[in-house]
mmCIF file of all heavy atoms, coordinates in Angstrom:
data_MODEL
# 
_entry.id   MODEL 
# 
loop_
_atom_site.group_PDB 
_atom_site.id 
_atom_site.type_symbol 
_atom_site.label_atom_id 
_atom_site.label_alt_id 
_atom_site.label_comp_id 
_atom_site.label_asym_id 
_atom_site.label_entity_id 
_atom_site.label_seq_id 
_atom_site.pdbx_PDB_ins_code 
_atom_site.Cartn_x 
_atom_site.Cartn_y 
_atom_site.Cartn_z 
_atom_site.occupancy 
_atom_site.B_iso_or_equiv 
_atom_site.pdbx_formal_charge 
_atom_site.auth_seq_id 
_atom_site.auth_comp_id 
_atom_site.auth_asym_id 
_atom_site.auth_atom_id 
_atom_site.pdbx_PDB_model_num 
ATOM 1   N N   . THR A 1 1  ? 0.831  -1.208 0.000   1.00 0.00 ? 1  THR A N   1 
ATOM 2   C CA  . THR A 1 1  ? 0.000  0.000  0.000   1.00 0.00 ? 1  THR A CA  1 
ATOM 3   C C   . THR A 1 1  ? 0.859  1.248  0.000   1.00 0.00 ? 1  THR A C   1 
ATOM 4   O O   . THR A 1 1  ? 0.555  2.221  -0.688  1.00 0.00 ? 1  THR A O   1 
ATOM 5   C CB  . THR A 1 1  ? -0.956 0.024  1.212   1.00 0.00 ? 1  THR A CB  1 
ATOM 6   O OG1 . THR A 1 1  ? -0.211 -0.044 2.410   1.00 0.00 ? 1  THR A OG1 1 
ATOM 7   C CG2 . THR A 1 1  ? -1.958 -1.105 1.142   1.00 0.00 ? 1  THR A CG2 1 
ATOM 8   N N   . HIS A 1 2  ? 1.958  1.210  0.751   1.00 0.00 ? 2  HIS A N   1 
ATOM 9   C CA  . HIS A 1 2  ? 2.852  2.358  0.793   1.00 0.00 ? 2  HIS A CA  1 
ATOM 10  C C   . HIS A 1 2  ? 3.478  2.611  -0.580  1.00 0.00 ? 2  HIS A C   1 
ATOM 11  O O   . HIS A 1 2  ? 3.618  3.760  -1.001  1.00 0.00 ? 2  HIS A O   1 
ATOM 12  C CB  . HIS A 1 2  ? 3.941  2.140  1.839   1.00 0.00 ? 2  HIS A CB  1 
ATOM 13  C CG  . HIS A 1 2  ? 4.949  3.226  1.879   1.00 0.00 ? 2  HIS A CG  1 
ATOM 14  N ND1 . HIS A 1 2  ? 4.688  4.444  2.457   1.00 0.00 ? 2  HIS A ND1 1 
ATOM 15  C CD2 . HIS A 1 2  ? 6.203  3.295  1.402   1.00 0.00 ? 2  HIS A CD2 1 
ATOM 16  C CE1 . HIS A 1 2  ? 5.746  5.214  2.328   1.00 0.00 ? 2  HIS A CE1 1 
ATOM 17  N NE2 . HIS A 1 2  ? 6.684  4.532  1.689   1.00 0.00 ? 2  HIS A NE2 1 
ATOM 18  N N   . ALA A 1 3  ? 3.846  1.562  -1.273  1.00 0.00 ? 3  ALA A N   1 
ATOM 19  C CA  . ALA A 1 3  ? 4.457  1.717  -2.598  1.00 0.00 ? 3  ALA A CA  1 
ATOM 20  C C   . ALA A 1 3  ? 3.492  2.382  -3.579  1.00 0.00 ? 3  ALA A C   1 
ATOM 21  O O   . ALA A 1 3  ? 3.913  3.212  -4.394  1.00 0.00 ? 3  ALA A O   1 
ATOM 22  C CB  . ALA A 1 3  ? 4.894  0.359  -3.134  1.00 0.00 ? 3  ALA A CB  1 
ATOM 23  N N   . LEU A 1 4  ? 2.230  2.071  -3.474  1.00 0.00 ? 4  LEU A N   1 
ATOM 24  C CA  . LEU A 1 4  ? 1.260  2.649  -4.403  1.00 0.00 ? 4  LEU A CA  1 
ATOM 25  C C   . LEU A 1 4  ? 1.080  4.145  -4.180  1.00 0.00 ? 4  LEU A C   1 
ATOM 26  O O   . LEU A 1 4  ? 1.160  4.939  -5.121  1.00 0.00 ? 4  LEU A O   1 
ATOM 27  C CB  . LEU A 1 4  ? -0.081 1.928  -4.274  1.00 0.00 ? 4  LEU A CB  1 
ATOM 28  C CG  . LEU A 1 4  ? -0.106 0.506  -4.816  1.00 0.00 ? 4  LEU A CG  1 
ATOM 29  C CD1 . LEU A 1 4  ? -1.434 -0.157 -4.511  1.00 0.00 ? 4  LEU A CD1 1 
ATOM 30  C CD2 . LEU A 1 4  ? 0.153  0.496  -6.301  1.00 0.00 ? 4  LEU A CD2 1 
ATOM 31  N N   . PHE A 1 5  ? 0.847  4.574  -2.954  1.00 0.00 ? 5  PHE A N   1 
ATOM 32  C CA  . PHE A 1 5  ? 0.636  6.004  -2.772  1.00 0.00 ? 5  PHE A CA  1 
ATOM 33  C C   . PHE A 1 5  ? 1.940  6.780  -2.772  1.00 0.00 ? 5  PHE A C   1 
ATOM 34  O O   . PHE A 1 5  ? 1.954  7.973  -3.072  1.00 0.00 ? 5  PHE A O   1 
ATOM 35  C CB  . PHE A 1 5  ? -0.241 6.330  -1.564  1.00 0.00 ? 5  PHE A CB  1 
ATOM 36  C CG  . PHE A 1 5  ? 0.263  5.938  -0.218  1.00 0.00 ? 5  PHE A CG  1 
ATOM 37  C CD1 . PHE A 1 5  ? 1.240  6.670  0.421   1.00 0.00 ? 5  PHE A CD1 1 
ATOM 38  C CD2 . PHE A 1 5  ? -0.283 4.852  0.441   1.00 0.00 ? 5  PHE A CD2 1 
ATOM 39  C CE1 . PHE A 1 5  ? 1.683  6.316  1.681   1.00 0.00 ? 5  PHE A CE1 1 
ATOM 40  C CE2 . PHE A 1 5  ? 0.146  4.496  1.702   1.00 0.00 ? 5  PHE A CE2 1 
ATOM 41  C CZ  . PHE A 1 5  ? 1.137  5.229  2.318   1.00 0.00 ? 5  PHE A CZ  1 
ATOM 42  N N   . LYS A 1 6  ? 3.065  6.120  -2.510  1.00 0.00 ? 6  LYS A N   1 
ATOM 43  C CA  . LYS A 1 6  ? 4.354  6.815  -2.616  1.00 0.00 ? 6  LYS A CA  1 
ATOM 44  C C   . LYS A 1 6  ? 4.706  7.059  -4.078  1.00 0.00 ? 6  LYS A C   1 
ATOM 45  O O   . LYS A 1 6  ? 5.289  8.096  -4.419  1.00 0.00 ? 6  LYS A O   1 
ATOM 46  C CB  . LYS A 1 6  ? 5.447  5.998  -1.935  1.00 0.00 ? 6  LYS A CB  1 
ATOM 47  C CG  . LYS A 1 6  ? 6.739  6.725  -1.776  1.00 0.00 ? 6  LYS A CG  1 
ATOM 48  C CD  . LYS A 1 6  ? 6.581  8.016  -1.004  1.00 0.00 ? 6  LYS A CD  1 
ATOM 49  C CE  . LYS A 1 6  ? 6.217  7.746  0.410   1.00 0.00 ? 6  LYS A CE  1 
ATOM 50  N NZ  . LYS A 1 6  ? 6.379  8.868  1.306   1.00 0.00 ? 6  LYS A NZ  1 
ATOM 51  N N   . ALA A 1 7  ? 4.353  6.129  -4.956  1.00 0.00 ? 7  ALA A N   1 
ATOM 52  C CA  . ALA A 1 7  ? 4.563  6.340  -6.383  1.00 0.00 ? 7  ALA A CA  1 
ATOM 53  C C   . ALA A 1 7  ? 3.733  7.530  -6.868  1.00 0.00 ? 7  ALA A C   1 
ATOM 54  O O   . ALA A 1 7  ? 4.214  8.355  -7.657  1.00 0.00 ? 7  ALA A O   1 
ATOM 55  C CB  . ALA A 1 7  ? 4.187  5.080  -7.163  1.00 0.00 ? 7  ALA A CB  1 
ATOM 56  N N   . LEU A 1 8  ? 2.514  7.641  -6.376  1.00 0.00 ? 8  LEU A N   1 
ATOM 57  C CA  . LEU A 1 8  ? 1.684  8.790  -6.719  1.00 0.00 ? 8  LEU A CA  1 
ATOM 58  C C   . LEU A 1 8  ? 2.307  10.089 -6.211  1.00 0.00 ? 8  LEU A C   1 
ATOM 59  O O   . LEU A 1 8  ? 2.303  11.106 -6.907  1.00 0.00 ? 8  LEU A O   1 
ATOM 60  C CB  . LEU A 1 8  ? 0.276  8.615  -6.149  1.00 0.00 ? 8  LEU A CB  1 
ATOM 61  C CG  . LEU A 1 8  ? -0.717 9.741  -6.416  1.00 0.00 ? 8  LEU A CG  1 
ATOM 62  C CD1 . LEU A 1 8  ? -0.926 9.944  -7.910  1.00 0.00 ? 8  LEU A CD1 1 
ATOM 63  C CD2 . LEU A 1 8  ? -2.031 9.453  -5.725  1.00 0.00 ? 8  LEU A CD2 1 
ATOM 64  N N   . LEU A 1 9  ? 2.870  10.056 -5.009  1.00 0.00 ? 9  LEU A N   1 
ATOM 65  C CA  . LEU A 1 9  ? 3.527  11.250 -4.469  1.00 0.00 ? 9  LEU A CA  1 
ATOM 66  C C   . LEU A 1 9  ? 4.709  11.672 -5.337  1.00 0.00 ? 9  LEU A C   1 
ATOM 67  O O   . LEU A 1 9  ? 4.892  12.863 -5.623  1.00 0.00 ? 9  LEU A O   1 
ATOM 68  C CB  . LEU A 1 9  ? 4.015  10.988 -3.045  1.00 0.00 ? 9  LEU A CB  1 
ATOM 69  C CG  . LEU A 1 9  ? 3.083  11.329 -1.910  1.00 0.00 ? 9  LEU A CG  1 
ATOM 70  C CD1 . LEU A 1 9  ? 3.686  10.911 -0.581  1.00 0.00 ? 9  LEU A CD1 1 
ATOM 71  C CD2 . LEU A 1 9  ? 2.757  12.791 -1.887  1.00 0.00 ? 9  LEU A CD2 1 
ATOM 72  N N   . PHE A 1 10 ? 5.524  10.729 -5.764  1.00 0.00 ? 10 PHE A N   1 
ATOM 73  C CA  . PHE A 1 10 ? 6.674  11.075 -6.605  1.00 0.00 ? 10 PHE A CA  1 
ATOM 74  C C   . PHE A 1 10 ? 6.243  11.559 -7.987  1.00 0.00 ? 10 PHE A C   1 
ATOM 75  O O   . PHE A 1 10 ? 6.880  12.453 -8.558  1.00 0.00 ? 10 PHE A O   1 
ATOM 76  C CB  . PHE A 1 10 ? 7.646  9.902  -6.715  1.00 0.00 ? 10 PHE A CB  1 
ATOM 77  C CG  . PHE A 1 10 ? 8.675  9.886  -5.632  1.00 0.00 ? 10 PHE A CG  1 
ATOM 78  C CD1 . PHE A 1 10 ? 8.684  8.874  -4.689  1.00 0.00 ? 10 PHE A CD1 1 
ATOM 79  C CD2 . PHE A 1 10 ? 9.636  10.877 -5.546  1.00 0.00 ? 10 PHE A CD2 1 
ATOM 80  C CE1 . PHE A 1 10 ? 9.632  8.860  -3.684  1.00 0.00 ? 10 PHE A CE1 1 
ATOM 81  C CE2 . PHE A 1 10 ? 10.590 10.870 -4.550  1.00 0.00 ? 10 PHE A CE2 1 
ATOM 82  C CZ  . PHE A 1 10 ? 10.588 9.859  -3.612  1.00 0.00 ? 10 PHE A CZ  1 
ATOM 83  N N   . LEU A 1 11 ? 5.167  11.006 -8.530  1.00 0.00 ? 11 LEU A N   1 
ATOM 84  C CA  . LEU A 1 11 ? 4.659  11.511 -9.808  1.00 0.00 ? 11 LEU A CA  1 
ATOM 85  C C   . LEU A 1 11 ? 4.181  12.955 -9.670  1.00 0.00 ? 11 LEU A C   1 
ATOM 86  O O   . LEU A 1 11 ? 4.471  13.804 -10.518 1.00 0.00 ? 11 LEU A O   1 
ATOM 87  C CB  . LEU A 1 11 ? 3.525  10.617 -10.321 1.00 0.00 ? 11 LEU A CB  1 
ATOM 88  C CG  . LEU A 1 11 ? 3.924  9.278  -10.889 1.00 0.00 ? 11 LEU A CG  1 
ATOM 89  C CD1 . LEU A 1 11 ? 2.689  8.423  -11.142 1.00 0.00 ? 11 LEU A CD1 1 
ATOM 90  C CD2 . LEU A 1 11 ? 4.720  9.446  -12.159 1.00 0.00 ? 11 LEU A CD2 1 
ATOM 91  N N   . CYS A 1 12 ? 3.450  13.228 -8.614  1.00 0.00 ? 12 CYS A N   1 
ATOM 92  C CA  . CYS A 1 12 ? 2.985  14.596 -8.366  1.00 0.00 ? 12 CYS A CA  1 
ATOM 93  C C   . CYS A 1 12 ? 4.156  15.537 -8.114  1.00 0.00 ? 12 CYS A C   1 
ATOM 94  O O   . CYS A 1 12 ? 4.153  16.680 -8.573  1.00 0.00 ? 12 CYS A O   1 
ATOM 95  C CB  . CYS A 1 12 ? 2.033  14.624 -7.174  1.00 0.00 ? 12 CYS A CB  1 
ATOM 96  S SG  . CYS A 1 12 ? 0.470  13.789 -7.464  1.00 0.00 ? 12 CYS A SG  1 
ATOM 97  N N   . ALA A 1 13 ? 5.159  15.054 -7.402  1.00 0.00 ? 13 ALA A N   1 
ATOM 98  C CA  . ALA A 1 13 ? 6.337  15.880 -7.142  1.00 0.00 ? 13 ALA A CA  1 
ATOM 99  C C   . ALA A 1 13 ? 7.046  16.221 -8.439  1.00 0.00 ? 13 ALA A C   1 
ATOM 100 O O   . ALA A 1 13 ? 7.518  17.351 -8.624  1.00 0.00 ? 13 ALA A O   1 
ATOM 101 C CB  . ALA A 1 13 ? 7.280  15.167 -6.187  1.00 0.00 ? 13 ALA A CB  1 
ATOM 102 N N   . GLY A 1 14 ? 7.125  15.283 -9.351  1.00 0.00 ? 14 GLY A N   1 
ATOM 103 C CA  . GLY A 1 14 ? 7.745  15.545 -10.643 1.00 0.00 ? 14 GLY A CA  1 
ATOM 104 C C   . GLY A 1 14 ? 7.015  16.617 -11.425 1.00 0.00 ? 14 GLY A C   1 
ATOM 105 O O   . GLY A 1 14 ? 7.631  17.502 -12.036 1.00 0.00 ? 14 GLY A O   1 
ATOM 106 N N   . VAL A 1 15 ? 5.703  16.573 -11.401 1.00 0.00 ? 15 VAL A N   1 
ATOM 107 C CA  . VAL A 1 15 ? 4.904  17.596 -12.083 1.00 0.00 ? 15 VAL A CA  1 
ATOM 108 C C   . VAL A 1 15 ? 5.122  18.959 -11.428 1.00 0.00 ? 15 VAL A C   1 
ATOM 109 O O   . VAL A 1 15 ? 5.288  19.974 -12.120 1.00 0.00 ? 15 VAL A O   1 
ATOM 110 C CB  . VAL A 1 15 ? 3.402  17.211 -12.075 1.00 0.00 ? 15 VAL A CB  1 
ATOM 111 C CG1 . VAL A 1 15 ? 2.543  18.348 -12.576 1.00 0.00 ? 15 VAL A CG1 1 
ATOM 112 C CG2 . VAL A 1 15 ? 3.170  15.969 -12.904 1.00 0.00 ? 15 VAL A CG2 1 
ATOM 113 N N   . LEU A 1 16 ? 5.140  18.983 -10.100 1.00 0.00 ? 16 LEU A N   1 
ATOM 114 C CA  . LEU A 1 16 ? 5.346  20.251 -9.397  1.00 0.00 ? 16 LEU A CA  1 
ATOM 115 C C   . LEU A 1 16 ? 6.727  20.829 -9.659  1.00 0.00 ? 16 LEU A C   1 
ATOM 116 O O   . LEU A 1 16 ? 6.875  22.040 -9.880  1.00 0.00 ? 16 LEU A O   1 
ATOM 117 C CB  . LEU A 1 16 ? 5.137  20.069 -7.895  1.00 0.00 ? 16 LEU A CB  1 
ATOM 118 C CG  . LEU A 1 16 ? 3.721  19.786 -7.435  1.00 0.00 ? 16 LEU A CG  1 
ATOM 119 C CD1 . LEU A 1 16 ? 3.687  19.599 -5.930  1.00 0.00 ? 16 LEU A CD1 1 
ATOM 120 C CD2 . LEU A 1 16 ? 2.777  20.889 -7.853  1.00 0.00 ? 16 LEU A CD2 1 
ATOM 121 N N   . ILE A 1 17 ? 7.741  19.984 -9.641  1.00 0.00 ? 17 ILE A N   1 
ATOM 122 C CA  . ILE A 1 17 ? 9.097  20.456 -9.894  1.00 0.00 ? 17 ILE A CA  1 
ATOM 123 C C   . ILE A 1 17 ? 9.217  21.000 -11.308 1.00 0.00 ? 17 ILE A C   1 
ATOM 124 O O   . ILE A 1 17 ? 9.790  22.071 -11.545 1.00 0.00 ? 17 ILE A O   1 
ATOM 125 C CB  . ILE A 1 17 ? 10.116 19.327 -9.632  1.00 0.00 ? 17 ILE A CB  1 
ATOM 126 C CG1 . ILE A 1 17 ? 10.189 19.038 -8.137  1.00 0.00 ? 17 ILE A CG1 1 
ATOM 127 C CG2 . ILE A 1 17 ? 11.490 19.685 -10.183 1.00 0.00 ? 17 ILE A CG2 1 
ATOM 128 C CD1 . ILE A 1 17 ? 10.955 17.767 -7.795  1.00 0.00 ? 17 ILE A CD1 1 
ATOM 129 N N   . HIS A 1 18 ? 8.659  20.282 -12.264 1.00 0.00 ? 18 HIS A N   1 
ATOM 130 C CA  . HIS A 1 18 ? 8.701  20.742 -13.652 1.00 0.00 ? 18 HIS A CA  1 
ATOM 131 C C   . HIS A 1 18 ? 7.908  22.039 -13.832 1.00 0.00 ? 18 HIS A C   1 
ATOM 132 O O   . HIS A 1 18 ? 8.351  22.961 -14.514 1.00 0.00 ? 18 HIS A O   1 
ATOM 133 C CB  . HIS A 1 18 ? 8.160  19.652 -14.576 1.00 0.00 ? 18 HIS A CB  1 
ATOM 134 C CG  . HIS A 1 18 ? 8.173  20.023 -16.014 1.00 0.00 ? 18 HIS A CG  1 
ATOM 135 N ND1 . HIS A 1 18 ? 9.334  20.120 -16.740 1.00 0.00 ? 18 HIS A ND1 1 
ATOM 136 C CD2 . HIS A 1 18 ? 7.167  20.342 -16.868 1.00 0.00 ? 18 HIS A CD2 1 
ATOM 137 C CE1 . HIS A 1 18 ? 9.046  20.481 -17.980 1.00 0.00 ? 18 HIS A CE1 1 
ATOM 138 N NE2 . HIS A 1 18 ? 7.735  20.621 -18.082 1.00 0.00 ? 18 HIS A NE2 1 
ATOM 139 N N   . GLY A 1 19 ? 6.741  22.111 -13.205 1.00 0.00 ? 19 GLY A N   1 
ATOM 140 C CA  . GLY A 1 19 ? 5.891  23.290 -13.349 1.00 0.00 ? 19 GLY A CA  1 
ATOM 141 C C   . GLY A 1 19 ? 6.390  24.511 -12.604 1.00 0.00 ? 19 GLY A C   1 
ATOM 142 O O   . GLY A 1 19 ? 6.041  25.639 -12.933 1.00 0.00 ? 19 GLY A O   1 
ATOM 143 N N   . ALA A 1 20 ? 7.233  24.297 -11.597 1.00 0.00 ? 20 ALA A N   1 
ATOM 144 C CA  . ALA A 1 20 ? 7.750  25.420 -10.806 1.00 0.00 ? 20 ALA A CA  1 
ATOM 145 C C   . ALA A 1 20 ? 9.126  25.870 -11.277 1.00 0.00 ? 20 ALA A C   1 
ATOM 146 O O   . ALA A 1 20 ? 9.861  26.508 -10.535 1.00 0.00 ? 20 ALA A O   1 
ATOM 147 C CB  . ALA A 1 20 ? 7.802  25.032 -9.333  1.00 0.00 ? 20 ALA A CB  1 
ATOM 148 N N   . GLY A 1 21 ? 9.469  25.536 -12.499 1.00 0.00 ? 21 GLY A N   1 
ATOM 149 C CA  . GLY A 1 21 ? 10.740 25.997 -13.046 1.00 0.00 ? 21 GLY A CA  1 
ATOM 150 C C   . GLY A 1 21 ? 11.929 25.181 -12.580 1.00 0.00 ? 21 GLY A C   1 
ATOM 151 O O   . GLY A 1 21 ? 13.009 25.725 -12.358 1.00 0.00 ? 21 GLY A O   1 
ATOM 152 N N   . ASN A 1 22 ? 11.747 23.874 -12.426 1.00 0.00 ? 22 ASN A N   1 
ATOM 153 C CA  . ASN A 1 22 ? 12.808 22.940 -12.036 1.00 0.00 ? 22 ASN A CA  1 
ATOM 154 C C   . ASN A 1 22 ? 13.439 23.245 -10.679 1.00 0.00 ? 22 ASN A C   1 
ATOM 155 O O   . ASN A 1 22 ? 14.627 23.043 -10.482 1.00 0.00 ? 22 ASN A O   1 
ATOM 156 C CB  . ASN A 1 22 ? 13.890 22.861 -13.118 1.00 0.00 ? 22 ASN A CB  1 
ATOM 157 C CG  . ASN A 1 22 ? 13.368 22.259 -14.394 1.00 0.00 ? 22 ASN A CG  1 
ATOM 158 O OD1 . ASN A 1 22 ? 12.511 21.389 -14.358 1.00 0.00 ? 22 ASN A OD1 1 
ATOM 159 N ND2 . ASN A 1 22 ? 13.856 22.722 -15.524 1.00 0.00 ? 22 ASN A ND2 1 
ATOM 160 N N   . THR A 1 23 ? 12.642 23.738 -9.758  1.00 0.00 ? 23 THR A N   1 
ATOM 161 C CA  . THR A 1 23 ? 13.122 23.924 -8.388  1.00 0.00 ? 23 THR A CA  1 
ATOM 162 C C   . THR A 1 23 ? 12.444 22.908 -7.480  1.00 0.00 ? 23 THR A C   1 
ATOM 163 O O   . THR A 1 23 ? 11.281 22.571 -7.680  1.00 0.00 ? 23 THR A O   1 
ATOM 164 C CB  . THR A 1 23 ? 12.871 25.347 -7.872  1.00 0.00 ? 23 THR A CB  1 
ATOM 165 O OG1 . THR A 1 23 ? 13.400 25.465 -6.558  1.00 0.00 ? 23 THR A OG1 1 
ATOM 166 C CG2 . THR A 1 23 ? 11.395 25.701 -7.842  1.00 0.00 ? 23 THR A CG2 1 
ATOM 167 N N   . GLN A 1 24 ? 13.189 22.413 -6.506  1.00 0.00 ? 24 GLN A N   1 
ATOM 168 C CA  . GLN A 1 24 ? 12.665 21.435 -5.560  1.00 0.00 ? 24 GLN A CA  1 
ATOM 169 C C   . GLN A 1 24 ? 12.411 22.056 -4.205  1.00 0.00 ? 24 GLN A C   1 
ATOM 170 O O   . GLN A 1 24 ? 11.914 21.380 -3.300  1.00 0.00 ? 24 GLN A O   1 
ATOM 171 C CB  . GLN A 1 24 ? 13.658 20.285 -5.397  1.00 0.00 ? 24 GLN A CB  1 
ATOM 172 C CG  . GLN A 1 24 ? 13.894 19.516 -6.647  1.00 0.00 ? 24 GLN A CG  1 
ATOM 173 C CD  . GLN A 1 24 ? 14.942 18.433 -6.488  1.00 0.00 ? 24 GLN A CD  1 
ATOM 174 O OE1 . GLN A 1 24 ? 15.197 17.734 -7.421  1.00 0.00 ? 24 GLN A OE1 1 
ATOM 175 N NE2 . GLN A 1 24 ? 15.541 18.276 -5.336  1.00 0.00 ? 24 GLN A NE2 1 
ATOM 176 N N   . ASP A 1 25 ? 12.730 23.322 -4.039  1.00 0.00 ? 25 ASP A N   1 
ATOM 177 C CA  . ASP A 1 25 ? 12.593 24.007 -2.754  1.00 0.00 ? 25 ASP A CA  1 
ATOM 178 C C   . ASP A 1 25 ? 11.128 24.381 -2.546  1.00 0.00 ? 25 ASP A C   1 
ATOM 179 O O   . ASP A 1 25 ? 10.573 25.195 -3.286  1.00 0.00 ? 25 ASP A O   1 
ATOM 180 C CB  . ASP A 1 25 ? 13.470 25.253 -2.741  1.00 0.00 ? 25 ASP A CB  1 
ATOM 181 C CG  . ASP A 1 25 ? 13.602 25.857 -1.360  1.00 0.00 ? 25 ASP A CG  1 
ATOM 182 O OD1 . ASP A 1 25 ? 12.879 25.418 -0.444  1.00 0.00 ? 25 ASP A OD1 1 
ATOM 183 O OD2 . ASP A 1 25 ? 14.427 26.765 -1.208  1.00 0.00 ? 25 ASP A OD2 1 
ATOM 184 N N   . ILE A 1 26 ? 10.506 23.799 -1.517  1.00 0.00 ? 26 ILE A N   1 
ATOM 185 C CA  . ILE A 1 26 ? 9.073  24.030 -1.317  1.00 0.00 ? 26 ILE A CA  1 
ATOM 186 C C   . ILE A 1 26 ? 8.783  25.444 -0.834  1.00 0.00 ? 26 ILE A C   1 
ATOM 187 O O   . ILE A 1 26 ? 7.645  25.886 -0.889  1.00 0.00 ? 26 ILE A O   1 
ATOM 188 C CB  . ILE A 1 26 ? 8.452  22.984 -0.362  1.00 0.00 ? 26 ILE A CB  1 
ATOM 189 C CG1 . ILE A 1 26 ? 9.105  23.022 1.011   1.00 0.00 ? 26 ILE A CG1 1 
ATOM 190 C CG2 . ILE A 1 26 ? 8.517  21.612 -0.961  1.00 0.00 ? 26 ILE A CG2 1 
ATOM 191 C CD1 . ILE A 1 26 ? 8.432  22.143 2.035   1.00 0.00 ? 26 ILE A CD1 1 
ATOM 192 N N   . ARG A 1 27 ? 9.807  26.164 -0.397  1.00 0.00 ? 27 ARG A N   1 
ATOM 193 C CA  . ARG A 1 27 ? 9.594  27.558 -0.011  1.00 0.00 ? 27 ARG A CA  1 
ATOM 194 C C   . ARG A 1 27 ? 9.283  28.423 -1.219  1.00 0.00 ? 27 ARG A C   1 
ATOM 195 O O   . ARG A 1 27 ? 8.663  29.473 -1.091  1.00 0.00 ? 27 ARG A O   1 
ATOM 196 C CB  . ARG A 1 27 ? 10.824 28.108 0.707   1.00 0.00 ? 27 ARG A CB  1 
ATOM 197 C CG  . ARG A 1 27 ? 11.078 27.473 2.052   1.00 0.00 ? 27 ARG A CG  1 
ATOM 198 C CD  . ARG A 1 27 ? 12.359 27.958 2.631   1.00 0.00 ? 27 ARG A CD  1 
ATOM 199 N NE  . ARG A 1 27 ? 13.470 27.378 1.859   1.00 0.00 ? 27 ARG A NE  1 
ATOM 200 C CZ  . ARG A 1 27 ? 14.723 27.333 2.273   1.00 0.00 ? 27 ARG A CZ  1 
ATOM 201 N NH1 . ARG A 1 27 ? 15.047 27.860 3.433   1.00 0.00 ? 27 ARG A NH1 1 
ATOM 202 N NH2 . ARG A 1 27 ? 15.646 26.786 1.533   1.00 0.00 ? 27 ARG A NH2 1 
ATOM 203 N N   . SER A 1 28 ? 9.686  27.981 -2.395  1.00 0.00 ? 28 SER A N   1 
ATOM 204 C CA  . SER A 1 28 ? 9.429  28.765 -3.595  1.00 0.00 ? 28 SER A CA  1 
ATOM 205 C C   . SER A 1 28 ? 8.155  28.319 -4.322  1.00 0.00 ? 28 SER A C   1 
ATOM 206 O O   . SER A 1 28 ? 7.851  28.824 -5.385  1.00 0.00 ? 28 SER A O   1 
ATOM 207 C CB  . SER A 1 28 ? 10.622 28.686 -4.554  1.00 0.00 ? 28 SER A CB  1 
ATOM 208 O OG  . SER A 1 28 ? 10.808 27.354 -4.992  1.00 0.00 ? 28 SER A OG  1 
ATOM 209 N N   . PHE A 1 29 ? 7.432  27.367 -3.757  1.00 0.00 ? 29 PHE A N   1 
ATOM 210 C CA  . PHE A 1 29 ? 6.189  26.923 -4.395  1.00 0.00 ? 29 PHE A CA  1 
ATOM 211 C C   . PHE A 1 29 ? 5.058  27.875 -4.017  1.00 0.00 ? 29 PHE A C   1 
ATOM 212 O O   . PHE A 1 29 ? 4.908  28.906 -4.598  1.00 0.00 ? 29 PHE A O   1 
ATOM 213 C CB  . PHE A 1 29 ? 5.843  25.494 -3.977  1.00 0.00 ? 29 PHE A CB  1 
ATOM 214 C CG  . PHE A 1 29 ? 6.691  24.432 -4.613  1.00 0.00 ? 29 PHE A CG  1 
ATOM 215 C CD1 . PHE A 1 29 ? 7.736  24.747 -5.461  1.00 0.00 ? 29 PHE A CD1 1 
ATOM 216 C CD2 . PHE A 1 29 ? 6.451  23.107 -4.377  1.00 0.00 ? 29 PHE A CD2 1 
ATOM 217 C CE1 . PHE A 1 29 ? 8.510  23.772 -6.050  1.00 0.00 ? 29 PHE A CE1 1 
ATOM 218 C CE2 . PHE A 1 29 ? 7.216  22.112 -4.956  1.00 0.00 ? 29 PHE A CE2 1 
ATOM 219 C CZ  . PHE A 1 29 ? 8.244  22.447 -5.792  1.00 0.00 ? 29 PHE A CZ  1 
# 
């Protein structure tokens, strides 16, 4: 169960990082 929702979290994180100009710093989101 953890693998399934963690995969979803990483997919969403990839979209956010790409959409936020390739930054991973959540302070800039």
